[in-house]
Amino acid sequence: ELVLHREFPSSLAGRSILDLPLRRTKPTTTTGGGKERQHFGDRVGSGASRGYRGDMGDSVTDFVEVARAHIARGAVVVPGDADEVWKDECAYTFSNAFGEGGVLVSLKTWVAYSPETLQLALESPCQSAGGLFLRIRKTKVERDPEGSKGKADDEAPVTEFALGTENGFKLDEQKYEVREQLSLLAVPENAEVDLPCGDLPLVVGECVKAVLEHKDGHTESLISEWKEELVTSKYADALIQLPDPKPVSSDPSKWRCASCGAKTNLWLNLSDGYVGCGRRNFDGSGGCGAALTHFEATGSIYPLAVKLGTITPKGADVFCYAADENDMVLDPALSRHLQHWGINMLEMEKTDKSMAELQIDLNAKHEFDSITEEGSVLVPAGGPGLVGMKNLGNSCYMNSVMQLVCGCAGVRKAFGEGAQQIFSKFAASFDGSSRKPQSSLVVQLAKLCSALTLARGVQREKNDAGETMSVSPDMFKALIGRGHPEFGSSRQQDSVEFFQYFLEQAARAERTEASLLPESHAEVSSSFTFEFEDRFQCAETRKVMYKARADNVLALSVPVGQATNAKDV
């Protein structure tokens, strides 16, 4: 197998590795006992010129001496389990390991750079003398359906609202075979050697192995966000169930909503046996909402309802209407509660989609036709101001807000056009142990804004209709939602609430990281803040008082009685 390598100039400043000519060299492997063995560095080998290209010699032995010099300066630090490693995407642009030049991960700080931003690493005090960088190049190859797991497993439906689990959404590494090309780059010597290479010092091999085995920060955040943990309802143990119950048929064909007669999306109140529809969705689907209406009409004392059609020997969907829970819950006594109404869980079969499956369908298909340009002929576009944001499950609320924010002139000038100055200032103060670029909101806002408004570091994507440009804001979402119970999850959120939360976080970051911004910088919130003047008049004296207040949202009260679809809402 041949591996493509690039010849480096004597100076990286102002130049892109992507523009340089290619040279073919063979990778290094060791064979022992009839089995190929890969090792990243263990002080063995002949030191022959294998998989090496550089400006300061013509053998791996020369590279090893350079590596040892960097190690002596503390340029190699092995990451521990608790350390954060983002190795698949540049911290400053949206270039990733699947791009032409791959990403370059510092073996000292575990920060990933693109070939175009590598100069920023050399501008930081901790790596001004250079260092060793692990270059990771990746390509995706769709897994062979006839492979070890077989076609049936590849096409198994998603039944769990989670990422990376057996029954949940598959991560990329589960859907595709990801092929890696690894090499080690020494800067500023401009020398690169293929990995695995048995001649490298042991600590280099340990560091490379730890970086590669570390779950990328994006994957870690996704798994924690998407896994939806249900809690046990506090109403389950002492649930009221009316005496002398009228049995509910176990035959799904006989189930009907007591209000509208619908046959699907039916919920059985576990206290009084009422069967009613679920709530109406924004697009008119769902039901008439009779189950909730009945709960409210009966004094809100019968909170638990089970979705008929999801009952199996393993369980069912249970919802609690009580205001202090108002969510999907677990009912440990569900079998006994159903038996009260004549339903034997052990004999039931699933006939309707669970709530998780309905949500999964929406996120898997992204069929939002009822709120988009359904039926329109859309022309693919891409370029400055024409860069989209990929939906990370339920992140449309964040994407819409950030497109709006980054499109404003003041924000675009400060964080889009001024992105390079922000990056350089951050790099100049980065000592390796302080806050990293992926943890700086000012840096990540500049990264996102420069991509959306100037298309910097954004690759064109080909599809059936043509070419488009979009970014996946994983690093930004992980940062802005860190520590927040709602925005740190992958549940649907309110755009206005996120907008105001973002302005608060941005204002805090602009104060704590003011050194990254010009002295004349105006806070992001200033582009959206305006003043209300309220007029108050005393009913008796007829005196008037005016009071001014600042706000960033103009709320318009629409009288429900004047709504043309009042019956629906």
Protein backbone atom coordinates (compact mmCIF):
# COMPACT_ATOMS: atom_id res chain seq x y z
CA GLU A 1 0.00 0.00 0.00
CA LEU A 2 1.29 3.47 -0.87
CA VAL A 3 0.73 6.52 1.30
CA LEU A 4 0.71 10.11 -0.01
CA HIS A 5 3.10 12.50 1.71
CA ARG A 6 3.84 16.17 1.32
CA GLU A 7 7.11 18.03 1.03
CA PHE A 8 7.40 20.97 3.41
CA PRO A 9 8.95 24.40 2.86
CA SER A 10 11.59 25.84 5.13
CA SER A 11 8.99 28.10 6.74
CA LEU A 12 5.30 27.52 7.34
CA ALA A 13 4.46 31.17 7.85
CA GLY A 14 1.91 32.41 5.34
CA ARG A 15 1.77 29.15 3.40
CA SER A 16 -0.59 26.22 3.29
CA ILE A 17 0.60 22.64 3.32
CA LEU A 18 -2.23 21.85 0.94
CA ASP A 19 -0.45 23.72 -1.88
CA LEU A 20 2.70 21.61 -1.81
CA PRO A 21 3.67 18.74 -4.16
CA LEU A 22 3.15 15.10 -3.26
CA ARG A 23 5.74 12.39 -2.87
CA ARG A 24 4.99 8.69 -2.41
CA THR A 25 6.66 6.77 0.40
CA LYS A 26 5.97 3.41 1.98
CA PRO A 27 4.64 3.05 5.55
CA THR A 28 6.58 1.18 8.22
CA THR A 29 5.30 -2.07 9.73
CA THR A 30 7.01 -4.91 11.54
CA THR A 31 6.28 -8.56 10.90
CA GLY A 32 6.80 -11.15 13.59
CA GLY A 33 5.50 -14.67 14.03
CA GLY A 34 3.67 -14.51 10.72
CA LYS A 35 1.48 -11.61 11.91
CA GLU A 36 1.81 -7.93 11.08
CA ARG A 37 2.43 -5.89 14.21
CA GLN A 38 1.96 -2.12 14.35
CA HIS A 39 3.79 -0.08 16.96
CA PHE A 40 4.11 3.68 17.18
CA GLY A 41 7.45 3.75 18.99
CA ASP A 42 9.39 1.30 21.11
CA ARG A 43 13.08 2.00 20.51
CA VAL A 44 13.51 -0.87 18.08
CA GLY A 45 14.34 -0.87 14.39
CA SER A 46 17.27 -0.44 12.09
CA GLY A 47 16.90 3.30 11.54
CA ALA A 48 16.65 2.85 7.80
CA SER A 49 15.02 5.49 5.66
CA ARG A 50 11.41 4.28 5.67
CA GLY A 51 8.35 6.50 5.25
CA TYR A 52 10.39 9.66 5.88
CA ARG A 53 10.56 13.02 4.15
CA GLY A 54 12.18 16.19 5.40
CA ASP A 55 14.65 19.03 4.95
CA MET A 56 17.29 18.09 7.53
CA GLY A 57 18.39 14.60 6.52
CA ASP A 58 17.42 11.50 4.65
CA SER A 59 16.73 8.84 7.28
CA VAL A 60 14.35 8.01 10.13
CA THR A 61 17.35 8.15 12.44
CA ASP A 62 17.65 11.90 11.83
CA PHE A 63 13.95 12.34 12.62
CA VAL A 64 14.33 10.37 15.86
CA GLU A 65 17.09 12.72 17.00
CA VAL A 66 14.82 15.68 16.30
CA ALA A 67 12.00 13.98 18.23
CA ARG A 68 14.27 13.39 21.21
CA ALA A 69 15.23 17.06 21.23
CA HIS A 70 11.56 18.05 21.36
CA ILE A 71 10.89 15.51 24.12
CA ALA A 72 13.74 17.00 26.17
CA ARG A 73 11.96 20.38 25.92
CA GLY A 74 8.71 18.85 27.26
CA ALA A 75 6.95 18.78 23.89
CA VAL A 76 5.29 15.39 24.51
CA VAL A 77 2.67 14.94 27.26
CA VAL A 78 0.54 11.79 27.47
CA PRO A 79 -3.16 12.66 28.03
CA GLY A 80 -4.99 10.97 30.89
CA ASP A 81 -8.55 9.64 30.92
CA ALA A 82 -9.91 12.87 32.42
CA ASP A 83 -8.22 15.13 29.86
CA GLU A 84 -10.22 16.60 26.98
CA VAL A 85 -8.98 15.74 23.51
CA TRP A 86 -10.58 17.14 20.34
CA LYS A 87 -8.70 15.34 17.62
CA ASP A 88 -11.09 15.29 14.68
CA GLU A 89 -11.59 19.03 14.09
CA CYS A 90 -9.41 22.12 14.10
CA ALA A 91 -10.00 24.31 17.13
CA TYR A 92 -10.00 27.47 14.99
CA THR A 93 -11.74 26.39 11.77
CA PHE A 94 -14.14 23.67 10.66
CA SER A 95 -11.39 21.76 8.85
CA ASN A 96 -11.39 18.15 10.02
CA ALA A 97 -9.56 14.85 9.68
CA PHE A 98 -11.56 14.04 6.55
CA GLY A 99 -10.22 17.10 4.71
CA GLU A 100 -7.37 16.92 2.22
CA GLY A 101 -4.66 17.91 4.69
CA GLY A 102 -6.18 16.25 7.73
CA VAL A 103 -5.67 17.71 11.19
CA LEU A 104 -2.48 18.16 13.20
CA VAL A 105 -2.80 17.37 16.92
CA SER A 106 -0.17 18.79 19.23
CA LEU A 107 1.38 16.06 21.38
CA LYS A 108 1.83 18.64 24.13
CA THR A 109 -1.55 20.39 24.34
CA TRP A 110 -3.78 17.92 22.41
CA VAL A 111 -5.22 20.83 20.45
CA ALA A 112 -5.98 20.12 16.80
CA TYR A 113 -4.93 22.50 14.04
CA SER A 114 -5.51 22.58 10.30
CA PRO A 115 -2.51 23.00 7.99
CA GLU A 116 -3.61 26.63 7.50
CA THR A 117 -3.76 27.38 11.25
CA LEU A 118 -0.65 25.48 12.35
CA GLN A 119 1.23 28.78 12.59
CA LEU A 120 -1.02 29.63 15.59
CA ALA A 121 0.58 26.77 17.52
CA LEU A 122 4.00 28.32 17.00
CA GLU A 123 2.71 31.69 18.21
CA SER A 124 1.82 30.27 21.64
CA PRO A 125 4.46 30.57 24.40
CA CYS A 126 4.30 26.85 25.14
CA GLN A 127 5.26 25.86 21.58
CA SER A 128 7.20 28.80 20.24
CA ALA A 129 10.19 26.46 19.77
CA GLY A 130 8.03 24.07 17.76
CA GLY A 131 6.97 20.56 18.63
CA LEU A 132 5.63 17.24 17.43
CA PHE A 133 2.22 16.99 15.78
CA LEU A 134 0.21 13.89 15.00
CA ARG A 135 -1.29 14.25 11.55
CA ILE A 136 -4.57 12.37 11.19
CA ARG A 137 -6.12 11.84 7.79
CA LYS A 138 -9.37 9.92 7.51
CA THR A 139 -11.56 8.59 4.72
CA LYS A 140 -14.99 6.99 5.05
CA VAL A 141 -15.84 3.74 3.32
CA GLU A 142 -19.34 2.36 3.76
CA ARG A 143 -19.26 -0.92 5.65
CA ASP A 144 -19.77 -4.09 3.66
CA PRO A 145 -23.28 -5.42 4.47
CA GLU A 146 -21.87 -8.92 4.07
CA GLY A 147 -19.32 -8.29 6.82
CA SER A 148 -19.06 -9.89 10.20
CA LYS A 149 -22.33 -8.48 11.55
CA GLY A 150 -24.33 -9.21 8.44
CA LYS A 151 -26.87 -7.20 6.50
CA ALA A 152 -29.67 -7.76 9.00
CA ASP A 153 -27.79 -5.93 11.75
CA ASP A 154 -26.82 -3.05 9.44
CA GLU A 155 -30.46 -2.44 8.57
CA ALA A 156 -31.82 -2.93 12.10
CA PRO A 157 -34.27 -0.13 12.97
CA VAL A 158 -33.47 2.46 15.63
CA THR A 159 -35.56 1.82 18.73
CA GLU A 160 -33.72 3.78 21.42
CA PHE A 161 -33.34 7.57 21.55
CA ALA A 162 -29.61 7.44 22.11
CA LEU A 163 -26.31 7.61 20.21
CA GLY A 164 -23.75 4.85 19.98
CA THR A 165 -25.86 2.18 21.71
CA GLU A 166 -26.90 -1.16 20.25
CA ASN A 167 -30.46 -0.02 19.45
CA GLY A 168 -29.82 3.71 19.04
CA PHE A 169 -28.53 5.98 16.30
CA LYS A 170 -25.26 4.70 14.88
CA LEU A 171 -22.18 6.87 15.15
CA ASP A 172 -20.15 7.35 11.98
CA GLU A 173 -17.65 4.72 13.04
CA GLN A 174 -20.50 2.23 13.31
CA LYS A 175 -21.97 3.01 9.87
CA TYR A 176 -18.70 3.40 8.00
CA GLU A 177 -15.29 1.87 7.98
CA VAL A 178 -13.01 4.79 8.73
CA ARG A 179 -9.54 4.41 7.28
CA GLU A 180 -6.77 6.38 8.90
CA GLN A 181 -3.43 7.56 7.63
CA LEU A 182 -1.14 8.64 10.44
CA SER A 183 2.15 10.46 10.40
CA LEU A 184 4.25 12.50 12.80
CA LEU A 185 5.32 16.02 11.89
CA ALA A 186 8.21 17.87 13.53
CA VAL A 187 7.99 21.66 13.42
CA PRO A 188 9.87 23.88 12.60
CA GLU A 189 12.21 21.20 11.16
CA ASN A 190 9.54 20.42 8.55
CA ALA A 191 10.16 16.67 8.77
CA GLU A 192 7.48 14.01 8.71
CA VAL A 193 7.54 10.26 9.22
CA ASP A 194 4.84 7.65 8.65
CA LEU A 195 3.26 5.85 11.59
CA PRO A 196 3.62 3.22 12.83
CA CYS A 197 7.37 3.61 13.15
CA GLY A 198 9.33 1.34 15.48
CA ASP A 199 12.29 3.70 15.79
CA LEU A 200 10.52 6.44 17.75
CA PRO A 201 11.04 6.88 21.50
CA LEU A 202 8.57 5.03 23.70
CA VAL A 203 6.91 8.16 25.14
CA VAL A 204 5.94 9.29 21.61
CA GLY A 205 4.22 5.96 20.98
CA GLU A 206 2.41 6.17 24.32
CA CYS A 207 1.21 9.70 23.59
CA VAL A 208 0.02 8.88 20.06
CA LYS A 209 -1.77 5.77 21.33
CA ALA A 210 -3.50 7.72 24.12
CA VAL A 211 -4.64 10.46 21.72
CA LEU A 212 -6.02 7.96 19.22
CA GLU A 213 -7.81 5.91 21.89
CA HIS A 214 -9.31 8.99 23.49
CA LYS A 215 -12.93 9.57 22.52
CA ASP A 216 -13.16 12.83 20.65
CA GLY A 217 -14.78 15.62 22.66
CA HIS A 218 -17.59 15.76 20.10
CA THR A 219 -18.46 12.08 20.54
CA GLU A 220 -18.38 12.35 24.33
CA SER A 221 -20.76 15.30 24.34
CA LEU A 222 -23.16 13.69 21.85
CA ILE A 223 -23.52 10.48 23.82
CA SER A 224 -24.23 12.36 27.05
CA GLU A 225 -26.67 14.73 25.33
CA TRP A 226 -28.75 12.18 23.46
CA LYS A 227 -29.17 9.54 26.16
CA GLU A 228 -32.57 10.26 27.65
CA GLU A 229 -32.87 8.87 31.17
CA LEU A 230 -36.39 8.39 32.53
CA VAL A 231 -37.09 8.84 36.22
CA THR A 232 -39.54 6.91 38.34
CA SER A 233 -42.76 8.81 38.97
CA LYS A 234 -43.36 9.64 42.62
CA TYR A 235 -47.07 9.04 41.99
CA ALA A 236 -46.63 5.39 40.96
CA ASP A 237 -46.49 3.68 44.36
CA ALA A 238 -49.63 5.27 45.83
CA LEU A 239 -51.54 5.69 42.57
CA ILE A 240 -55.32 5.98 43.05
CA GLN A 241 -57.28 3.39 41.04
CA LEU A 242 -61.07 3.56 41.14
CA PRO A 243 -62.88 0.44 42.40
CA ASP A 244 -65.23 -1.73 40.31
CA PRO A 245 -63.35 -1.05 37.08
CA LYS A 246 -64.81 -1.63 33.66
CA PRO A 247 -62.26 -3.84 31.86
CA VAL A 248 -60.41 -2.35 28.91
CA SER A 249 -60.22 -4.69 25.93
CA SER A 250 -56.83 -6.19 25.08
CA ASP A 251 -57.83 -6.13 21.41
CA PRO A 252 -56.28 -3.03 19.76
CA SER A 253 -59.02 -2.95 17.10
CA LYS A 254 -61.55 -2.06 19.81
CA TRP A 255 -59.68 0.91 21.24
CA ARG A 256 -61.26 4.31 20.55
CA CYS A 257 -60.80 7.83 21.86
CA ALA A 258 -63.77 8.61 24.11
CA SER A 259 -63.91 12.13 22.65
CA CYS A 260 -63.28 11.90 18.91
CA GLY A 261 -63.23 8.16 18.16
CA ALA A 262 -59.64 8.09 16.88
CA LYS A 263 -57.90 4.72 16.78
CA THR A 264 -54.24 5.71 17.18
CA ASN A 265 -52.14 7.66 19.68
CA LEU A 266 -54.44 6.59 22.51
CA TRP A 267 -53.64 6.98 26.20
CA LEU A 268 -55.27 5.03 29.05
CA ASN A 269 -55.59 6.88 32.35
CA LEU A 270 -54.38 4.36 34.91
CA SER A 271 -56.59 5.79 37.67
CA ASP A 272 -60.08 5.89 36.14
CA GLY A 273 -59.71 3.95 32.86
CA TYR A 274 -60.45 6.87 30.51
CA VAL A 275 -59.07 6.41 26.99
CA GLY A 276 -58.26 9.61 25.08
CA CYS A 277 -56.04 10.99 22.33
CA GLY A 278 -52.62 12.45 22.83
CA ARG A 279 -51.91 16.11 22.17
CA ARG A 280 -52.10 17.78 18.78
CA ASN A 281 -48.76 18.48 17.11
CA PHE A 282 -47.81 21.77 15.43
CA ASP A 283 -48.57 20.32 11.99
CA GLY A 284 -52.04 19.05 12.91
CA SER A 285 -51.02 15.45 13.49
CA GLY A 286 -51.20 13.68 16.82
CA GLY A 287 -54.65 13.74 18.40
CA CYS A 288 -57.39 15.87 19.89
CA GLY A 289 -55.72 16.12 23.31
CA ALA A 290 -58.60 14.43 25.13
CA ALA A 291 -56.30 12.59 27.57
CA LEU A 292 -54.87 15.85 28.91
CA THR A 293 -58.24 17.58 28.87
CA HIS A 294 -59.72 14.74 30.93
CA PHE A 295 -56.89 14.98 33.47
CA GLU A 296 -57.58 18.69 33.95
CA ALA A 297 -61.36 18.24 34.03
CA THR A 298 -61.15 15.64 36.82
CA GLY A 299 -59.28 17.92 39.20
CA SER A 300 -55.77 16.95 38.08
CA ILE A 301 -55.67 14.11 40.61
CA TYR A 302 -55.20 11.20 38.18
CA PRO A 303 -51.75 11.95 36.70
CA LEU A 304 -50.48 8.74 35.10
CA ALA A 305 -51.45 7.54 31.63
CA VAL A 306 -50.05 4.71 29.51
CA LYS A 307 -49.92 4.75 25.72
CA LEU A 308 -51.99 1.89 24.38
CA GLY A 309 -50.21 0.15 21.55
CA THR A 310 -46.79 0.40 23.22
CA ILE A 311 -47.56 -2.16 25.92
CA THR A 312 -45.33 -5.23 25.77
CA PRO A 313 -44.02 -7.68 28.39
CA LYS A 314 -40.98 -5.38 28.70
CA GLY A 315 -42.94 -2.22 29.51
CA ALA A 316 -44.73 0.71 27.86
CA ASP A 317 -44.74 4.48 27.46
CA VAL A 318 -46.02 6.17 30.60
CA PHE A 319 -46.61 9.91 30.91
CA CYS A 320 -47.23 11.94 34.07
CA TYR A 321 -49.48 14.98 33.59
CA ALA A 322 -48.76 16.41 37.06
CA ALA A 323 -47.17 19.87 36.81
CA ASP A 324 -44.13 18.90 38.89
CA GLU A 325 -43.22 16.05 36.49
CA ASN A 326 -45.01 16.65 33.16
CA ASP A 327 -42.80 14.20 31.28
CA MET A 328 -42.27 10.59 30.30
CA VAL A 329 -41.71 8.54 33.45
CA LEU A 330 -41.18 5.02 34.74
CA ASP A 331 -43.93 3.14 36.57
CA PRO A 332 -42.44 0.19 38.51
CA ALA A 333 -45.96 -1.08 39.27
CA LEU A 334 -47.19 -0.83 35.68
CA SER A 335 -48.07 -4.53 35.43
CA ARG A 336 -50.31 -4.32 38.51
CA HIS A 337 -51.87 -1.03 37.38
CA LEU A 338 -52.74 -2.52 33.97
CA GLN A 339 -54.07 -5.72 35.52
CA HIS A 340 -56.56 -3.57 37.42
CA TRP A 341 -58.10 -2.71 34.03
CA GLY A 342 -57.96 -6.27 32.75
CA ILE A 343 -54.82 -5.92 30.64
CA ASN A 344 -52.15 -8.60 30.98
CA MET A 345 -48.78 -7.17 29.92
CA LEU A 346 -47.38 -10.63 29.18
CA GLU A 347 -49.99 -11.13 26.44
CA MET A 348 -49.68 -7.72 24.79
CA GLU A 349 -47.88 -6.92 21.54
CA LYS A 350 -46.67 -3.56 20.25
CA THR A 351 -49.04 -2.00 17.68
CA ASP A 352 -48.12 1.71 17.80
CA LYS A 353 -44.91 3.72 17.76
CA SER A 354 -43.41 4.73 21.07
CA MET A 355 -42.74 8.38 21.80
CA ALA A 356 -38.99 7.79 21.39
CA GLU A 357 -39.58 6.26 17.96
CA LEU A 358 -41.72 9.19 16.87
CA GLN A 359 -38.98 11.60 17.92
CA ILE A 360 -36.32 9.44 16.28
CA ASP A 361 -38.29 9.40 13.01
CA LEU A 362 -38.32 13.19 12.95
CA ASN A 363 -34.60 13.50 13.65
CA ALA A 364 -33.58 10.68 11.32
CA LYS A 365 -35.59 11.89 8.32
CA HIS A 366 -35.47 15.67 8.94
CA GLU A 367 -38.83 15.99 7.21
CA PHE A 368 -39.82 19.51 8.21
CA ASP A 369 -41.82 20.20 5.03
CA SER A 370 -44.73 21.81 6.84
CA ILE A 371 -42.51 24.65 8.08
CA THR A 372 -40.16 24.93 5.09
CA GLU A 373 -40.42 25.49 1.33
CA GLU A 374 -42.46 22.38 0.57
CA GLY A 375 -42.99 21.99 -3.16
CA SER A 376 -40.52 24.75 -4.05
CA VAL A 377 -37.60 24.26 -6.40
CA LEU A 378 -34.53 25.08 -4.32
CA VAL A 379 -31.21 25.94 -5.94
CA PRO A 380 -28.10 24.80 -4.03
CA ALA A 381 -25.95 27.71 -2.90
CA GLY A 382 -22.72 28.19 -1.00
CA GLY A 383 -20.25 30.95 -0.25
CA PRO A 384 -19.85 33.93 2.11
CA GLY A 385 -23.18 34.44 3.87
CA LEU A 386 -24.53 31.25 2.30
CA VAL A 387 -23.18 28.66 4.73
CA GLY A 388 -25.66 26.44 6.54
CA MET A 389 -25.53 24.78 9.96
CA LYS A 390 -26.20 21.08 10.27
CA ASN A 391 -28.90 19.98 12.67
CA LEU A 392 -27.32 18.03 15.53
CA GLY A 393 -30.57 16.27 16.40
CA ASN A 394 -32.68 19.00 18.01
CA SER A 395 -30.30 21.93 17.57
CA CYS A 396 -32.47 23.91 15.13
CA TYR A 397 -33.29 26.41 17.91
CA MET A 398 -29.56 27.15 18.33
CA ASN A 399 -28.83 27.18 14.60
CA SER A 400 -31.56 29.70 13.80
CA VAL A 401 -30.43 32.03 16.58
CA MET A 402 -26.75 31.87 15.64
CA GLN A 403 -27.48 32.50 11.95
CA LEU A 404 -29.38 35.62 13.02
CA VAL A 405 -26.68 36.79 15.46
CA CYS A 406 -23.76 36.25 13.09
CA GLY A 407 -25.61 38.03 10.29
CA CYS A 408 -25.77 41.31 12.21
CA ALA A 409 -23.27 43.89 11.01
CA GLY A 410 -21.63 44.56 14.39
CA VAL A 411 -21.15 40.89 15.20
CA ARG A 412 -19.97 40.10 11.69
CA LYS A 413 -17.31 42.80 11.85
CA ALA A 414 -16.06 41.95 15.34
CA PHE A 415 -16.08 38.16 15.18
CA GLY A 416 -16.12 37.41 11.44
CA GLU A 417 -13.75 39.95 9.92
CA GLY A 418 -11.83 40.16 13.20
CA ALA A 419 -11.49 36.40 13.68
CA GLN A 420 -7.82 36.20 12.70
CA GLN A 421 -6.87 38.90 15.22
CA ILE A 422 -8.82 37.07 17.94
CA PHE A 423 -7.09 33.78 17.10
CA SER A 424 -3.64 35.37 17.11
CA LYS A 425 -4.22 37.12 20.45
CA PHE A 426 -5.48 33.92 22.02
CA ALA A 427 -2.53 31.92 20.67
CA ALA A 428 -0.09 34.50 22.01
CA SER A 429 -1.48 34.00 25.53
CA PHE A 430 -2.01 30.23 25.38
CA ASP A 431 0.49 28.46 27.66
CA GLY A 432 -0.92 24.96 27.24
CA SER A 433 -2.26 24.61 30.78
CA SER A 434 -4.77 27.48 30.71
CA ARG A 435 -8.10 27.55 28.91
CA LYS A 436 -7.84 25.92 25.51
CA PRO A 437 -9.32 27.39 22.31
CA GLN A 438 -12.22 24.94 22.29
CA SER A 439 -13.17 26.24 25.77
CA SER A 440 -13.08 29.95 24.83
CA LEU A 441 -16.48 31.30 23.82
CA VAL A 442 -14.87 34.32 22.13
CA VAL A 443 -12.70 32.04 19.99
CA GLN A 444 -15.53 29.66 19.17
CA LEU A 445 -17.88 32.52 18.28
CA ALA A 446 -15.19 33.91 15.96
CA LYS A 447 -14.74 30.45 14.43
CA LEU A 448 -18.47 30.10 13.78
CA CYS A 449 -19.04 33.67 12.61
CA SER A 450 -16.10 33.66 10.18
CA ALA A 451 -17.35 30.39 8.72
CA LEU A 452 -20.96 31.54 8.29
CA THR A 453 -20.26 35.02 6.98
CA LEU A 454 -16.94 34.57 5.14
CA ALA A 455 -16.97 30.81 4.43
CA ARG A 456 -13.50 30.47 5.99
CA GLY A 457 -12.42 26.87 6.52
CA VAL A 458 -15.65 25.48 5.04
CA GLN A 459 -15.53 22.73 2.45
CA ARG A 460 -18.02 22.36 -0.37
CA GLU A 461 -20.26 19.30 -0.17
CA LYS A 462 -21.61 17.53 -3.20
CA ASN A 463 -25.11 16.08 -3.27
CA ASP A 464 -27.67 15.05 -5.87
CA ALA A 465 -28.79 18.65 -6.44
CA GLY A 466 -25.36 20.26 -6.63
CA GLU A 467 -22.85 21.78 -4.20
CA THR A 468 -23.63 23.36 -0.85
CA MET A 469 -21.62 24.59 2.12
CA SER A 470 -22.42 23.85 5.75
CA VAL A 471 -20.73 23.36 9.10
CA SER A 472 -21.41 21.05 12.02
CA PRO A 473 -21.29 23.25 15.15
CA ASP A 474 -20.42 20.43 17.57
CA MET A 475 -17.64 22.27 19.40
CA PHE A 476 -19.75 25.43 19.81
CA LYS A 477 -22.78 23.52 21.07
CA ALA A 478 -20.72 21.53 23.55
CA LEU A 479 -19.25 24.76 24.93
CA ILE A 480 -22.35 26.96 25.06
CA GLY A 481 -24.41 24.19 26.67
CA ARG A 482 -21.79 23.08 29.17
CA GLY A 483 -23.28 22.91 32.66
CA HIS A 484 -26.78 23.93 31.52
CA PRO A 485 -29.48 21.29 32.20
CA GLU A 486 -31.46 22.12 29.05
CA PHE A 487 -29.09 23.60 26.48
CA GLY A 488 -26.55 20.95 27.42
CA SER A 489 -29.03 18.25 26.35
CA SER A 490 -30.33 17.34 22.91
CA ARG A 491 -33.96 18.05 23.77
CA GLN A 492 -35.95 20.66 21.89
CA GLN A 493 -35.68 24.14 23.36
CA ASP A 494 -37.23 27.58 22.95
CA SER A 495 -35.29 29.85 20.60
CA VAL A 496 -36.02 33.02 22.58
CA GLU A 497 -34.78 31.46 25.80
CA PHE A 498 -31.57 30.34 24.10
CA PHE A 499 -31.13 33.76 22.47
CA GLN A 500 -31.24 35.53 25.83
CA TYR A 501 -29.07 32.86 27.46
CA PHE A 502 -26.50 33.25 24.67
CA LEU A 503 -26.39 37.04 25.09
CA GLU A 504 -25.71 36.57 28.83
CA GLN A 505 -22.91 34.08 28.16
CA ALA A 506 -21.43 36.25 25.42
CA ALA A 507 -21.42 39.33 27.69
CA ARG A 508 -19.65 37.35 30.41
CA ALA A 509 -17.06 36.04 27.95
CA GLU A 510 -16.48 39.51 26.47
CA ARG A 511 -15.65 40.78 29.96
CA THR A 512 -13.42 37.89 31.03
CA GLU A 513 -11.65 37.67 27.66
CA ALA A 514 -11.58 41.39 26.86
CA SER A 515 -7.90 41.15 25.94
CA LEU A 516 -8.86 39.24 22.78
CA LEU A 517 -11.08 42.06 21.55
CA PRO A 518 -10.26 45.60 20.40
CA GLU A 519 -10.71 48.44 22.90
CA SER A 520 -13.52 49.90 20.81
CA HIS A 521 -15.45 46.61 20.85
CA ALA A 522 -19.17 46.88 21.52
CA GLU A 523 -20.76 43.92 23.29
CA VAL A 524 -22.83 41.51 21.19
CA SER A 525 -25.89 42.32 23.27
CA SER A 526 -25.70 45.98 22.22
CA SER A 527 -26.77 45.00 18.71
CA PHE A 528 -30.06 43.72 20.10
CA THR A 529 -30.79 45.94 23.10
CA PHE A 530 -33.41 48.65 22.84
CA GLU A 531 -35.43 50.74 25.26
CA PHE A 532 -39.10 50.53 26.08
CA GLU A 533 -41.01 53.46 27.50
CA ASP A 534 -44.01 52.43 29.58
CA ARG A 535 -46.80 54.88 30.35
CA PHE A 536 -48.75 54.54 33.61
CA GLN A 537 -51.81 56.64 34.44
CA CYS A 538 -53.58 56.82 37.79
CA ALA A 539 -57.29 56.08 37.40
CA GLU A 540 -58.25 58.63 40.10
CA THR A 541 -55.85 61.56 39.73
CA ARG A 542 -55.25 61.02 36.01
CA LYS A 543 -51.56 61.74 36.63
CA VAL A 544 -49.14 60.07 34.28
CA MET A 545 -45.76 58.44 34.92
CA TYR A 546 -43.28 57.30 32.27
CA LYS A 547 -40.72 54.58 32.97
CA ALA A 548 -37.94 53.40 30.67
CA ARG A 549 -36.59 49.84 30.62
CA ALA A 550 -34.11 47.97 28.47
CA ASP A 551 -35.02 44.76 26.67
CA ASN A 552 -33.82 42.59 23.78
CA VAL A 553 -37.06 40.90 22.74
CA LEU A 554 -40.15 42.60 21.35
CA ALA A 555 -43.06 40.44 22.48
CA LEU A 556 -46.31 40.97 20.60
CA SER A 557 -49.47 39.97 22.43
CA VAL A 558 -51.98 38.41 20.06
CA PRO A 559 -55.52 38.17 21.48
CA VAL A 560 -56.50 34.50 21.20
CA GLY A 561 -60.06 35.50 20.42
CA GLN A 562 -58.93 37.14 17.18
CA ALA A 563 -56.96 34.13 15.99
CA THR A 564 -58.38 32.59 12.82
CA ASN A 565 -57.40 29.12 14.05
CA ALA A 566 -58.65 29.61 17.61
CA LYS A 567 -60.28 26.17 17.63
CA ASP A 568 -56.97 24.49 16.89
CA VAL A 569 -54.98 26.30 19.56
